[in-house]
Amino acid sequence: KSRSGQQWDIWEATYSPQGADGYPVRLW
């Protein structure tokens, strides 16, 4: 759920819409 604290996940946490579960929606 983008919680690794690493580079690809923070781009997702910043740029993605928020999912119904409150976490970022995956780009891929």
mmCIF file of all heavy atoms, coordinates in Angstrom:
data_MODEL
# 
_entry.id   MODEL 
# 
loop_
_atom_site.group_PDB 
_atom_site.id 
_atom_site.type_symbol 
_atom_site.label_atom_id 
_atom_site.label_alt_id 
_atom_site.label_comp_id 
_atom_site.label_asym_id 
_atom_site.label_entity_id 
_atom_site.label_seq_id 
_atom_site.pdbx_PDB_ins_code 
_atom_site.Cartn_x 
_atom_site.Cartn_y 
_atom_site.Cartn_z 
_atom_site.occupancy 
_atom_site.B_iso_or_equiv 
_atom_site.pdbx_formal_charge 
_atom_site.auth_seq_id 
_atom_site.auth_comp_id 
_atom_site.auth_asym_id 
_atom_site.auth_atom_id 
_atom_site.pdbx_PDB_model_num 
ATOM 1   N N   . LYS A 1 1  ? 0.814   -1.221 0.000   1.00 0.00 ? 1  LYS A N   1 
ATOM 2   C CA  . LYS A 1 1  ? 0.000   0.000  0.000   1.00 0.00 ? 1  LYS A CA  1 
ATOM 3   C C   . LYS A 1 1  ? 0.857   1.285  0.000   1.00 0.00 ? 1  LYS A C   1 
ATOM 4   O O   . LYS A 1 1  ? 0.551   2.268  0.681   1.00 0.00 ? 1  LYS A O   1 
ATOM 5   C CB  . LYS A 1 1  ? -0.957  0.008  1.196   1.00 0.00 ? 1  LYS A CB  1 
ATOM 6   C CG  . LYS A 1 1  ? -1.945  -1.153 1.204   1.00 0.00 ? 1  LYS A CG  1 
ATOM 7   C CD  . LYS A 1 1  ? -2.915  -1.057 2.365   1.00 0.00 ? 1  LYS A CD  1 
ATOM 8   C CE  . LYS A 1 1  ? -3.853  -2.257 2.402   1.00 0.00 ? 1  LYS A CE  1 
ATOM 9   N NZ  . LYS A 1 1  ? -4.736  -2.321 1.217   1.00 0.00 ? 1  LYS A NZ  1 
ATOM 10  N N   . SER A 1 2  ? 1.943   1.249  -0.762  1.00 0.00 ? 2  SER A N   1 
ATOM 11  C CA  . SER A 1 2  ? 2.852   2.405  -0.900  1.00 0.00 ? 2  SER A CA  1 
ATOM 12  C C   . SER A 1 2  ? 3.537   2.769  0.414   1.00 0.00 ? 2  SER A C   1 
ATOM 13  O O   . SER A 1 2  ? 3.966   3.907  0.598   1.00 0.00 ? 2  SER A O   1 
ATOM 14  C CB  . SER A 1 2  ? 2.113   3.636  -1.455  1.00 0.00 ? 2  SER A CB  1 
ATOM 15  O OG  . SER A 1 2  ? 1.442   3.335  -2.660  1.00 0.00 ? 2  SER A OG  1 
ATOM 16  N N   . ARG A 1 3  ? 3.699   1.802  1.307   1.00 0.00 ? 3  ARG A N   1 
ATOM 17  C CA  . ARG A 1 3  ? 4.232   2.083  2.645   1.00 0.00 ? 3  ARG A CA  1 
ATOM 18  C C   . ARG A 1 3  ? 5.697   1.705  2.830   1.00 0.00 ? 3  ARG A C   1 
ATOM 19  O O   . ARG A 1 3  ? 6.169   1.610  3.961   1.00 0.00 ? 3  ARG A O   1 
ATOM 20  C CB  . ARG A 1 3  ? 3.385   1.357  3.697   1.00 0.00 ? 3  ARG A CB  1 
ATOM 21  C CG  . ARG A 1 3  ? 1.978   1.906  3.837   1.00 0.00 ? 3  ARG A CG  1 
ATOM 22  C CD  . ARG A 1 3  ? 1.198   1.232  4.951   1.00 0.00 ? 3  ARG A CD  1 
ATOM 23  N NE  . ARG A 1 3  ? 0.839   -0.147 4.645   1.00 0.00 ? 3  ARG A NE  1 
ATOM 24  C CZ  . ARG A 1 3  ? -0.018  -0.871 5.355   1.00 0.00 ? 3  ARG A CZ  1 
ATOM 25  N NH1 . ARG A 1 3  ? -0.600  -0.343 6.428   1.00 0.00 ? 3  ARG A NH1 1 
ATOM 26  N NH2 . ARG A 1 3  ? -0.296  -2.113 5.011   1.00 0.00 ? 3  ARG A NH2 1 
ATOM 27  N N   . SER A 1 4  ? 6.427   1.519  1.745   1.00 0.00 ? 4  SER A N   1 
ATOM 28  C CA  . SER A 1 4  ? 7.827   1.099  1.893   1.00 0.00 ? 4  SER A CA  1 
ATOM 29  C C   . SER A 1 4  ? 8.736   2.223  2.375   1.00 0.00 ? 4  SER A C   1 
ATOM 30  O O   . SER A 1 4  ? 9.826   1.975  2.866   1.00 0.00 ? 4  SER A O   1 
ATOM 31  C CB  . SER A 1 4  ? 8.353   0.565  0.561   1.00 0.00 ? 4  SER A CB  1 
ATOM 32  O OG  . SER A 1 4  ? 8.518   1.617  -0.379  1.00 0.00 ? 4  SER A OG  1 
ATOM 33  N N   . GLY A 1 5  ? 8.318   3.469  2.170   1.00 0.00 ? 5  GLY A N   1 
ATOM 34  C CA  . GLY A 1 5  ? 9.186   4.595  2.496   1.00 0.00 ? 5  GLY A CA  1 
ATOM 35  C C   . GLY A 1 5  ? 10.294  4.804  1.480   1.00 0.00 ? 5  GLY A C   1 
ATOM 36  O O   . GLY A 1 5  ? 11.262  5.519  1.750   1.00 0.00 ? 5  GLY A O   1 
ATOM 37  N N   . GLN A 1 6  ? 10.136  4.205  0.286   1.00 0.00 ? 6  GLN A N   1 
ATOM 38  C CA  . GLN A 1 6  ? 11.176  4.285  -0.740  1.00 0.00 ? 6  GLN A CA  1 
ATOM 39  C C   . GLN A 1 6  ? 10.692  5.105  -1.939  1.00 0.00 ? 6  GLN A C   1 
ATOM 40  O O   . GLN A 1 6  ? 9.586   5.620  -1.962  1.00 0.00 ? 6  GLN A O   1 
ATOM 41  C CB  . GLN A 1 6  ? 11.577  2.882  -1.158  1.00 0.00 ? 6  GLN A CB  1 
ATOM 42  C CG  . GLN A 1 6  ? 12.009  1.987  -0.006  1.00 0.00 ? 6  GLN A CG  1 
ATOM 43  C CD  . GLN A 1 6  ? 13.203  2.506  0.755   1.00 0.00 ? 6  GLN A CD  1 
ATOM 44  O OE1 . GLN A 1 6  ? 14.269  2.735  0.173   1.00 0.00 ? 6  GLN A OE1 1 
ATOM 45  N NE2 . GLN A 1 6  ? 13.052  2.692  2.061   1.00 0.00 ? 6  GLN A NE2 1 
ATOM 46  N N   . GLN A 1 7  ? 11.565  5.203  -2.955  1.00 0.00 ? 7  GLN A N   1 
ATOM 47  C CA  . GLN A 1 7  ? 11.388  6.180  -4.021  1.00 0.00 ? 7  GLN A CA  1 
ATOM 48  C C   . GLN A 1 7  ? 10.134  6.002  -4.864  1.00 0.00 ? 7  GLN A C   1 
ATOM 49  O O   . GLN A 1 7  ? 9.371   6.954  -5.063  1.00 0.00 ? 7  GLN A O   1 
ATOM 50  C CB  . GLN A 1 7  ? 12.605  6.163  -4.942  1.00 0.00 ? 7  GLN A CB  1 
ATOM 51  C CG  . GLN A 1 7  ? 12.591  7.256  -5.997  1.00 0.00 ? 7  GLN A CG  1 
ATOM 52  C CD  . GLN A 1 7  ? 12.587  8.641  -5.391  1.00 0.00 ? 7  GLN A CD  1 
ATOM 53  O OE1 . GLN A 1 7  ? 13.624  9.129  -4.972  1.00 0.00 ? 7  GLN A OE1 1 
ATOM 54  N NE2 . GLN A 1 7  ? 11.441  9.296  -5.343  1.00 0.00 ? 7  GLN A NE2 1 
ATOM 55  N N   . TRP A 1 8  ? 9.892   4.806  -5.391  1.00 0.00 ? 8  TRP A N   1 
ATOM 56  C CA  . TRP A 1 8  ? 8.732   4.640  -6.272  1.00 0.00 ? 8  TRP A CA  1 
ATOM 57  C C   . TRP A 1 8  ? 7.437   4.800  -5.498  1.00 0.00 ? 8  TRP A C   1 
ATOM 58  O O   . TRP A 1 8  ? 6.444   5.335  -6.009  1.00 0.00 ? 8  TRP A O   1 
ATOM 59  C CB  . TRP A 1 8  ? 8.784   3.282  -6.967  1.00 0.00 ? 8  TRP A CB  1 
ATOM 60  C CG  . TRP A 1 8  ? 10.012  3.123  -7.794  1.00 0.00 ? 8  TRP A CG  1 
ATOM 61  C CD1 . TRP A 1 8  ? 11.182  2.500  -7.434  1.00 0.00 ? 8  TRP A CD1 1 
ATOM 62  C CD2 . TRP A 1 8  ? 10.255  3.656  -9.109  1.00 0.00 ? 8  TRP A CD2 1 
ATOM 63  N NE1 . TRP A 1 8  ? 12.107  2.595  -8.433  1.00 0.00 ? 8  TRP A NE1 1 
ATOM 64  C CE2 . TRP A 1 8  ? 11.573  3.286  -9.482  1.00 0.00 ? 8  TRP A CE2 1 
ATOM 65  C CE3 . TRP A 1 8  ? 9.482   4.382  -10.009 1.00 0.00 ? 8  TRP A CE3 1 
ATOM 66  C CZ2 . TRP A 1 8  ? 12.127  3.634  -10.721 1.00 0.00 ? 8  TRP A CZ2 1 
ATOM 67  C CZ3 . TRP A 1 8  ? 10.018  4.730  -11.236 1.00 0.00 ? 8  TRP A CZ3 1 
ATOM 68  C CH2 . TRP A 1 8  ? 11.327  4.361  -11.577 1.00 0.00 ? 8  TRP A CH2 1 
ATOM 69  N N   . ASP A 1 9  ? 7.429   4.380  -4.252  1.00 0.00 ? 9  ASP A N   1 
ATOM 70  C CA  . ASP A 1 9  ? 6.216   4.503  -3.437  1.00 0.00 ? 9  ASP A CA  1 
ATOM 71  C C   . ASP A 1 9  ? 5.906   5.941  -3.067  1.00 0.00 ? 9  ASP A C   1 
ATOM 72  O O   . ASP A 1 9  ? 4.733   6.330  -2.991  1.00 0.00 ? 9  ASP A O   1 
ATOM 73  C CB  . ASP A 1 9  ? 6.339   3.649  -2.174  1.00 0.00 ? 9  ASP A CB  1 
ATOM 74  C CG  . ASP A 1 9  ? 5.926   2.201  -2.414  1.00 0.00 ? 9  ASP A CG  1 
ATOM 75  O OD1 . ASP A 1 9  ? 5.450   1.893  -3.523  1.00 0.00 ? 9  ASP A OD1 1 
ATOM 76  O OD2 . ASP A 1 9  ? 6.094   1.375  -1.493  1.00 0.00 ? 9  ASP A OD2 1 
ATOM 77  N N   . ILE A 1 10 ? 6.929   6.771  -2.826  1.00 0.00 ? 10 ILE A N   1 
ATOM 78  C CA  . ILE A 1 10 ? 6.617   8.159  -2.459  1.00 0.00 ? 10 ILE A CA  1 
ATOM 79  C C   . ILE A 1 10 ? 6.115   8.924  -3.678  1.00 0.00 ? 10 ILE A C   1 
ATOM 80  O O   . ILE A 1 10 ? 5.250   9.798  -3.566  1.00 0.00 ? 10 ILE A O   1 
ATOM 81  C CB  . ILE A 1 10 ? 7.813   8.885  -1.822  1.00 0.00 ? 10 ILE A CB  1 
ATOM 82  C CG1 . ILE A 1 10 ? 7.412   10.307 -1.392  1.00 0.00 ? 10 ILE A CG1 1 
ATOM 83  C CG2 . ILE A 1 10 ? 8.996   8.963  -2.762  1.00 0.00 ? 10 ILE A CG2 1 
ATOM 84  C CD1 . ILE A 1 10 ? 6.172   10.399 -0.528  1.00 0.00 ? 10 ILE A CD1 1 
ATOM 85  N N   . TRP A 1 11 ? 6.605   8.599  -4.854  1.00 0.00 ? 11 TRP A N   1 
ATOM 86  C CA  . TRP A 1 11 ? 6.024   9.235  -6.036  1.00 0.00 ? 11 TRP A CA  1 
ATOM 87  C C   . TRP A 1 11 ? 4.547   8.883  -6.128  1.00 0.00 ? 11 TRP A C   1 
ATOM 88  O O   . TRP A 1 11 ? 3.712   9.738  -6.440  1.00 0.00 ? 11 TRP A O   1 
ATOM 89  C CB  . TRP A 1 11 ? 6.774   8.780  -7.292  1.00 0.00 ? 11 TRP A CB  1 
ATOM 90  C CG  . TRP A 1 11 ? 8.111   9.455  -7.452  1.00 0.00 ? 11 TRP A CG  1 
ATOM 91  C CD1 . TRP A 1 11 ? 8.490   10.670 -6.944  1.00 0.00 ? 11 TRP A CD1 1 
ATOM 92  C CD2 . TRP A 1 11 ? 9.241   8.966  -8.171  1.00 0.00 ? 11 TRP A CD2 1 
ATOM 93  N NE1 . TRP A 1 11 ? 9.780   10.965 -7.300  1.00 0.00 ? 11 TRP A NE1 1 
ATOM 94  C CE2 . TRP A 1 11 ? 10.276  9.933  -8.059  1.00 0.00 ? 11 TRP A CE2 1 
ATOM 95  C CE3 . TRP A 1 11 ? 9.490   7.800  -8.894  1.00 0.00 ? 11 TRP A CE3 1 
ATOM 96  C CZ2 . TRP A 1 11 ? 11.527  9.775  -8.652  1.00 0.00 ? 11 TRP A CZ2 1 
ATOM 97  C CZ3 . TRP A 1 11 ? 10.733  7.636  -9.489  1.00 0.00 ? 11 TRP A CZ3 1 
ATOM 98  C CH2 . TRP A 1 11 ? 11.741  8.611  -9.367  1.00 0.00 ? 11 TRP A CH2 1 
ATOM 99  N N   . GLU A 1 12 ? 4.213   7.642  -5.833  1.00 0.00 ? 12 GLU A N   1 
ATOM 100 C CA  . GLU A 1 12 ? 2.820   7.212  -5.846  1.00 0.00 ? 12 GLU A CA  1 
ATOM 101 C C   . GLU A 1 12 ? 2.020   7.910  -4.754  1.00 0.00 ? 12 GLU A C   1 
ATOM 102 O O   . GLU A 1 12 ? 0.897   8.384  -4.976  1.00 0.00 ? 12 GLU A O   1 
ATOM 103 C CB  . GLU A 1 12 ? 2.769   5.699  -5.641  1.00 0.00 ? 12 GLU A CB  1 
ATOM 104 C CG  . GLU A 1 12 ? 1.715   4.985  -6.416  1.00 0.00 ? 12 GLU A CG  1 
ATOM 105 C CD  . GLU A 1 12 ? 2.008   3.492  -6.486  1.00 0.00 ? 12 GLU A CD  1 
ATOM 106 O OE1 . GLU A 1 12 ? 2.240   2.881  -5.431  1.00 0.00 ? 12 GLU A OE1 1 
ATOM 107 O OE2 . GLU A 1 12 ? 2.004   2.946  -7.599  1.00 0.00 ? 12 GLU A OE2 1 
ATOM 108 N N   . ALA A 1 13 ? 2.581   7.982  -3.550  1.00 0.00 ? 13 ALA A N   1 
ATOM 109 C CA  . ALA A 1 13 ? 1.884   8.615  -2.429  1.00 0.00 ? 13 ALA A CA  1 
ATOM 110 C C   . ALA A 1 13 ? 1.653   10.095 -2.686  1.00 0.00 ? 13 ALA A C   1 
ATOM 111 O O   . ALA A 1 13 ? 0.676   10.675 -2.192  1.00 0.00 ? 13 ALA A O   1 
ATOM 112 C CB  . ALA A 1 13 ? 2.672   8.421  -1.135  1.00 0.00 ? 13 ALA A CB  1 
ATOM 113 N N   . THR A 1 14 ? 2.528   10.711 -3.477  1.00 0.00 ? 14 THR A N   1 
ATOM 114 C CA  . THR A 1 14 ? 2.394   12.138 -3.786  1.00 0.00 ? 14 THR A CA  1 
ATOM 115 C C   . THR A 1 14 ? 1.460   12.378 -4.964  1.00 0.00 ? 14 THR A C   1 
ATOM 116 O O   . THR A 1 14 ? 0.586   13.244 -4.913  1.00 0.00 ? 14 THR A O   1 
ATOM 117 C CB  . THR A 1 14 ? 3.767   12.755 -4.096  1.00 0.00 ? 14 THR A CB  1 
ATOM 118 O OG1 . THR A 1 14 ? 4.649   12.540 -2.993  1.00 0.00 ? 14 THR A OG1 1 
ATOM 119 C CG2 . THR A 1 14 ? 3.648   14.257 -4.349  1.00 0.00 ? 14 THR A CG2 1 
ATOM 120 N N   . TYR A 1 15 ? 1.641   11.620 -6.043  1.00 0.00 ? 15 TYR A N   1 
ATOM 121 C CA  . TYR A 1 15 ? 0.969   11.933 -7.303  1.00 0.00 ? 15 TYR A CA  1 
ATOM 122 C C   . TYR A 1 15 ? -0.373  11.248 -7.513  1.00 0.00 ? 15 TYR A C   1 
ATOM 123 O O   . TYR A 1 15 ? -1.173  11.698 -8.325  1.00 0.00 ? 15 TYR A O   1 
ATOM 124 C CB  . TYR A 1 15 ? 1.874   11.551 -8.489  1.00 0.00 ? 15 TYR A CB  1 
ATOM 125 C CG  . TYR A 1 15 ? 3.273   12.109 -8.466  1.00 0.00 ? 15 TYR A CG  1 
ATOM 126 C CD1 . TYR A 1 15 ? 4.332   11.402 -9.039  1.00 0.00 ? 15 TYR A CD1 1 
ATOM 127 C CD2 . TYR A 1 15 ? 3.558   13.343 -7.887  1.00 0.00 ? 15 TYR A CD2 1 
ATOM 128 C CE1 . TYR A 1 15 ? 5.625   11.906 -9.035  1.00 0.00 ? 15 TYR A CE1 1 
ATOM 129 C CE2 . TYR A 1 15 ? 4.843   13.853 -7.871  1.00 0.00 ? 15 TYR A CE2 1 
ATOM 130 C CZ  . TYR A 1 15 ? 5.883   13.126 -8.451  1.00 0.00 ? 15 TYR A CZ  1 
ATOM 131 O OH  . TYR A 1 15 ? 7.165   13.613 -8.432  1.00 0.00 ? 15 TYR A OH  1 
ATOM 132 N N   . SER A 1 16 ? -0.626  10.147 -6.803  1.00 0.00 ? 16 SER A N   1 
ATOM 133 C CA  . SER A 1 16 ? -1.812  9.340  -7.101  1.00 0.00 ? 16 SER A CA  1 
ATOM 134 C C   . SER A 1 16 ? -3.070  9.855  -6.409  1.00 0.00 ? 16 SER A C   1 
ATOM 135 O O   . SER A 1 16 ? -2.981  10.496 -5.355  1.00 0.00 ? 16 SER A O   1 
ATOM 136 C CB  . SER A 1 16 ? -1.583  7.886  -6.668  1.00 0.00 ? 16 SER A CB  1 
ATOM 137 O OG  . SER A 1 16 ? -0.776  7.195  -7.583  1.00 0.00 ? 16 SER A OG  1 
ATOM 138 N N   . PRO A 1 17 ? -4.231  9.529  -6.951  1.00 0.00 ? 17 PRO A N   1 
ATOM 139 C CA  . PRO A 1 17 ? -5.473  9.784  -6.210  1.00 0.00 ? 17 PRO A CA  1 
ATOM 140 C C   . PRO A 1 17 ? -5.526  8.862  -5.004  1.00 0.00 ? 17 PRO A C   1 
ATOM 141 O O   . PRO A 1 17 ? -4.830  7.844  -4.930  1.00 0.00 ? 17 PRO A O   1 
ATOM 142 C CB  . PRO A 1 17 ? -6.564  9.441  -7.228  1.00 0.00 ? 17 PRO A CB  1 
ATOM 143 C CG  . PRO A 1 17 ? -5.924  8.474  -8.166  1.00 0.00 ? 17 PRO A CG  1 
ATOM 144 C CD  . PRO A 1 17 ? -4.484  8.875  -8.257  1.00 0.00 ? 17 PRO A CD  1 
ATOM 145 N N   . GLN A 1 18 ? -6.358  9.230  -4.055  1.00 0.00 ? 18 GLN A N   1 
ATOM 146 C CA  . GLN A 1 18 ? -6.521  8.413  -2.854  1.00 0.00 ? 18 GLN A CA  1 
ATOM 147 C C   . GLN A 1 18 ? -7.564  7.335  -3.115  1.00 0.00 ? 18 GLN A C   1 
ATOM 148 O O   . GLN A 1 18 ? -8.641  7.607  -3.642  1.00 0.00 ? 18 GLN A O   1 
ATOM 149 C CB  . GLN A 1 18 ? -6.948  9.292  -1.677  1.00 0.00 ? 18 GLN A CB  1 
ATOM 150 C CG  . GLN A 1 18 ? -6.977  8.583  -0.335  1.00 0.00 ? 18 GLN A CG  1 
ATOM 151 C CD  . GLN A 1 18 ? -7.450  9.510  0.772   1.00 0.00 ? 18 GLN A CD  1 
ATOM 152 O OE1 . GLN A 1 18 ? -8.489  10.165 0.634   1.00 0.00 ? 18 GLN A OE1 1 
ATOM 153 N NE2 . GLN A 1 18 ? -6.685  9.588  1.860   1.00 0.00 ? 18 GLN A NE2 1 
ATOM 154 N N   . GLY A 1 19 ? -7.244  6.107  -2.737  1.00 0.00 ? 19 GLY A N   1 
ATOM 155 C CA  . GLY A 1 19 ? -8.175  5.013  -2.932  1.00 0.00 ? 19 GLY A CA  1 
ATOM 156 C C   . GLY A 1 19 ? -9.257  4.978  -1.865  1.00 0.00 ? 19 GLY A C   1 
ATOM 157 O O   . GLY A 1 19 ? -9.191  5.702  -0.862  1.00 0.00 ? 19 GLY A O   1 
ATOM 158 N N   . ALA A 1 20 ? -10.238 4.117  -2.059  1.00 0.00 ? 20 ALA A N   1 
ATOM 159 C CA  . ALA A 1 20 ? -11.336 3.995  -1.095  1.00 0.00 ? 20 ALA A CA  1 
ATOM 160 C C   . ALA A 1 20 ? -10.850 3.549  0.273   1.00 0.00 ? 20 ALA A C   1 
ATOM 161 O O   . ALA A 1 20 ? -11.485 3.840  1.292   1.00 0.00 ? 20 ALA A O   1 
ATOM 162 C CB  . ALA A 1 20 ? -12.379 3.013  -1.637  1.00 0.00 ? 20 ALA A CB  1 
ATOM 163 N N   . ASP A 1 21 ? -9.702  2.848  0.309   1.00 0.00 ? 21 ASP A N   1 
ATOM 164 C CA  . ASP A 1 21 ? -9.158  2.387  1.583   1.00 0.00 ? 21 ASP A CA  1 
ATOM 165 C C   . ASP A 1 21 ? -8.289  3.432  2.263   1.00 0.00 ? 21 ASP A C   1 
ATOM 166 O O   . ASP A 1 21 ? -7.750  3.194  3.346   1.00 0.00 ? 21 ASP A O   1 
ATOM 167 C CB  . ASP A 1 21 ? -8.361  1.095  1.389   1.00 0.00 ? 21 ASP A CB  1 
ATOM 168 C CG  . ASP A 1 21 ? -7.169  1.274  0.439   1.00 0.00 ? 21 ASP A CG  1 
ATOM 169 O OD1 . ASP A 1 21 ? -6.994  2.387  -0.109  1.00 0.00 ? 21 ASP A OD1 1 
ATOM 170 O OD2 . ASP A 1 21 ? -6.426  0.291  0.252   1.00 0.00 ? 21 ASP A OD2 1 
ATOM 171 N N   . GLY A 1 22 ? -8.133  4.615  1.645   1.00 0.00 ? 22 GLY A N   1 
ATOM 172 C CA  . GLY A 1 22 ? -7.343  5.686  2.240   1.00 0.00 ? 22 GLY A CA  1 
ATOM 173 C C   . GLY A 1 22 ? -5.901  5.722  1.803   1.00 0.00 ? 22 GLY A C   1 
ATOM 174 O O   . GLY A 1 22 ? -5.187  6.684  2.100   1.00 0.00 ? 22 GLY A O   1 
ATOM 175 N N   . TYR A 1 23 ? -5.462  4.700  1.074   1.00 0.00 ? 23 TYR A N   1 
ATOM 176 C CA  . TYR A 1 23 ? -4.075  4.641  0.607   1.00 0.00 ? 23 TYR A CA  1 
ATOM 177 C C   . TYR A 1 23 ? -4.011  5.074  -0.864  1.00 0.00 ? 23 TYR A C   1 
ATOM 178 O O   . TYR A 1 23 ? -5.022  5.080  -1.574  1.00 0.00 ? 23 TYR A O   1 
ATOM 179 C CB  . TYR A 1 23 ? -3.533  3.222  0.766   1.00 0.00 ? 23 TYR A CB  1 
ATOM 180 C CG  . TYR A 1 23 ? -3.495  2.736  2.198   1.00 0.00 ? 23 TYR A CG  1 
ATOM 181 C CD1 . TYR A 1 23 ? -4.496  1.895  2.689   1.00 0.00 ? 23 TYR A CD1 1 
ATOM 182 C CD2 . TYR A 1 23 ? -2.473  3.120  3.058   1.00 0.00 ? 23 TYR A CD2 1 
ATOM 183 C CE1 . TYR A 1 23 ? -4.477  1.440  4.001   1.00 0.00 ? 23 TYR A CE1 1 
ATOM 184 C CE2 . TYR A 1 23 ? -2.437  2.674  4.375   1.00 0.00 ? 23 TYR A CE2 1 
ATOM 185 C CZ  . TYR A 1 23 ? -3.447  1.838  4.844   1.00 0.00 ? 23 TYR A CZ  1 
ATOM 186 O OH  . TYR A 1 23 ? -3.425  1.410  6.153   1.00 0.00 ? 23 TYR A OH  1 
ATOM 187 N N   . PRO A 1 24 ? -2.813  5.430  -1.355  1.00 0.00 ? 24 PRO A N   1 
ATOM 188 C CA  . PRO A 1 24 ? -2.690  5.843  -2.750  1.00 0.00 ? 24 PRO A CA  1 
ATOM 189 C C   . PRO A 1 24 ? -3.064  4.718  -3.718  1.00 0.00 ? 24 PRO A C   1 
ATOM 190 O O   . PRO A 1 24 ? -2.793  3.548  -3.450  1.00 0.00 ? 24 PRO A O   1 
ATOM 191 C CB  . PRO A 1 24 ? -1.198  6.200  -2.882  1.00 0.00 ? 24 PRO A CB  1 
ATOM 192 C CG  . PRO A 1 24 ? -0.722  6.429  -1.482  1.00 0.00 ? 24 PRO A CG  1 
ATOM 193 C CD  . PRO A 1 24 ? -1.534  5.530  -0.616  1.00 0.00 ? 24 PRO A CD  1 
ATOM 194 N N   . VAL A 1 25 ? -3.651  5.088  -4.849  1.00 0.00 ? 25 VAL A N   1 
ATOM 195 C CA  . VAL A 1 25 ? -3.962  4.116  -5.893  1.00 0.00 ? 25 VAL A CA  1 
ATOM 196 C C   . VAL A 1 25 ? -2.681  3.844  -6.683  1.00 0.00 ? 25 VAL A C   1 
ATOM 197 O O   . VAL A 1 25 ? -1.953  4.764  -7.048  1.00 0.00 ? 25 VAL A O   1 
ATOM 198 C CB  . VAL A 1 25 ? -5.066  4.633  -6.828  1.00 0.00 ? 25 VAL A CB  1 
ATOM 199 C CG1 . VAL A 1 25 ? -5.383  3.600  -7.897  1.00 0.00 ? 25 VAL A CG1 1 
ATOM 200 C CG2 . VAL A 1 25 ? -6.318  4.983  -6.037  1.00 0.00 ? 25 VAL A CG2 1 
ATOM 201 N N   . ARG A 1 26 ? -2.419  2.594  -6.951  1.00 0.00 ? 26 ARG A N   1 
ATOM 202 C CA  . ARG A 1 26 ? -1.205  2.208  -7.656  1.00 0.00 ? 26 ARG A CA  1 
ATOM 203 C C   . ARG A 1 26 ? -1.195  2.735  -9.094  1.00 0.00 ? 26 ARG A C   1 
ATOM 204 O O   . ARG A 1 26 ? -2.186  2.628  -9.813  1.00 0.00 ? 26 ARG A O   1 
ATOM 205 C CB  . ARG A 1 26 ? -1.087  0.689  -7.708  1.00 0.00 ? 26 ARG A CB  1 
ATOM 206 C CG  . ARG A 1 26 ? -0.833  0.021  -6.348  1.00 0.00 ? 26 ARG A CG  1 
ATOM 207 C CD  . ARG A 1 26 ? 0.567   0.260  -5.872  1.00 0.00 ? 26 ARG A CD  1 
ATOM 208 N NE  . ARG A 1 26 ? 0.928   -0.627 -4.772  1.00 0.00 ? 26 ARG A NE  1 
ATOM 209 C CZ  . ARG A 1 26 ? 1.995   -0.433 -4.006  1.00 0.00 ? 26 ARG A CZ  1 
ATOM 210 N NH1 . ARG A 1 26 ? 2.784   0.589  -4.221  1.00 0.00 ? 26 ARG A NH1 1 
ATOM 211 N NH2 . ARG A 1 26 ? 2.274   -1.269 -3.021  1.00 0.00 ? 26 ARG A NH2 1 
ATOM 212 N N   . LEU A 1 27 ? -0.036  3.271  -9.516  1.00 0.00 ? 27 LEU A N   1 
ATOM 213 C CA  . LEU A 1 27 ? 0.144   3.617  -10.922 1.00 0.00 ? 27 LEU A CA  1 
ATOM 214 C C   . LEU A 1 27 ? 0.277   2.344  -11.744 1.00 0.00 ? 27 LEU A C   1 
ATOM 215 O O   . LEU A 1 27 ? -0.235  2.258  -12.852 1.00 0.00 ? 27 LEU A O   1 
ATOM 216 C CB  . LEU A 1 27 ? 1.391   4.480  -11.108 1.00 0.00 ? 27 LEU A CB  1 
ATOM 217 C CG  . LEU A 1 27 ? 1.786   4.766  -12.567 1.00 0.00 ? 27 LEU A CG  1 
ATOM 218 C CD1 . LEU A 1 27 ? 0.695   5.558  -13.275 1.00 0.00 ? 27 LEU A CD1 1 
ATOM 219 C CD2 . LEU A 1 27 ? 3.114   5.494  -12.640 1.00 0.00 ? 27 LEU A CD2 1 
ATOM 220 N N   . TRP A 1 28 ? 0.997   1.368  -11.195 1.00 0.00 ? 28 TRP A N   1 
ATOM 221 C CA  . TRP A 1 28 ? 1.086   0.078  -11.858 1.00 0.00 ? 28 TRP A CA  1 
ATOM 222 C C   . TRP A 1 28 ? 1.009   -1.031 -10.826 1.00 0.00 ? 28 TRP A C   1 
ATOM 223 O O   . TRP A 1 28 ? 1.273   -0.818 -9.640  1.00 0.00 ? 28 TRP A O   1 
ATOM 224 C CB  . TRP A 1 28 ? 2.354   -0.049 -12.702 1.00 0.00 ? 28 TRP A CB  1 
ATOM 225 C CG  . TRP A 1 28 ? 3.660   0.142  -11.994 1.00 0.00 ? 28 TRP A CG  1 
ATOM 226 C CD1 . TRP A 1 28 ? 4.168   -0.589 -10.954 1.00 0.00 ? 28 TRP A CD1 1 
ATOM 227 C CD2 . TRP A 1 28 ? 4.666   1.122  -12.309 1.00 0.00 ? 28 TRP A CD2 1 
ATOM 228 N NE1 . TRP A 1 28 ? 5.409   -0.133 -10.600 1.00 0.00 ? 28 TRP A NE1 1 
ATOM 229 C CE2 . TRP A 1 28 ? 5.743   0.921  -11.418 1.00 0.00 ? 28 TRP A CE2 1 
ATOM 230 C CE3 . TRP A 1 28 ? 4.762   2.140  -13.267 1.00 0.00 ? 28 TRP A CE3 1 
ATOM 231 C CZ2 . TRP A 1 28 ? 6.898   1.698  -11.456 1.00 0.00 ? 28 TRP A CZ2 1 
ATOM 232 C CZ3 . TRP A 1 28 ? 5.919   2.918  -13.289 1.00 0.00 ? 28 TRP A CZ3 1 
ATOM 233 C CH2 . TRP A 1 28 ? 6.957   2.695  -12.400 1.00 0.00 ? 28 TRP A CH2 1 
# 
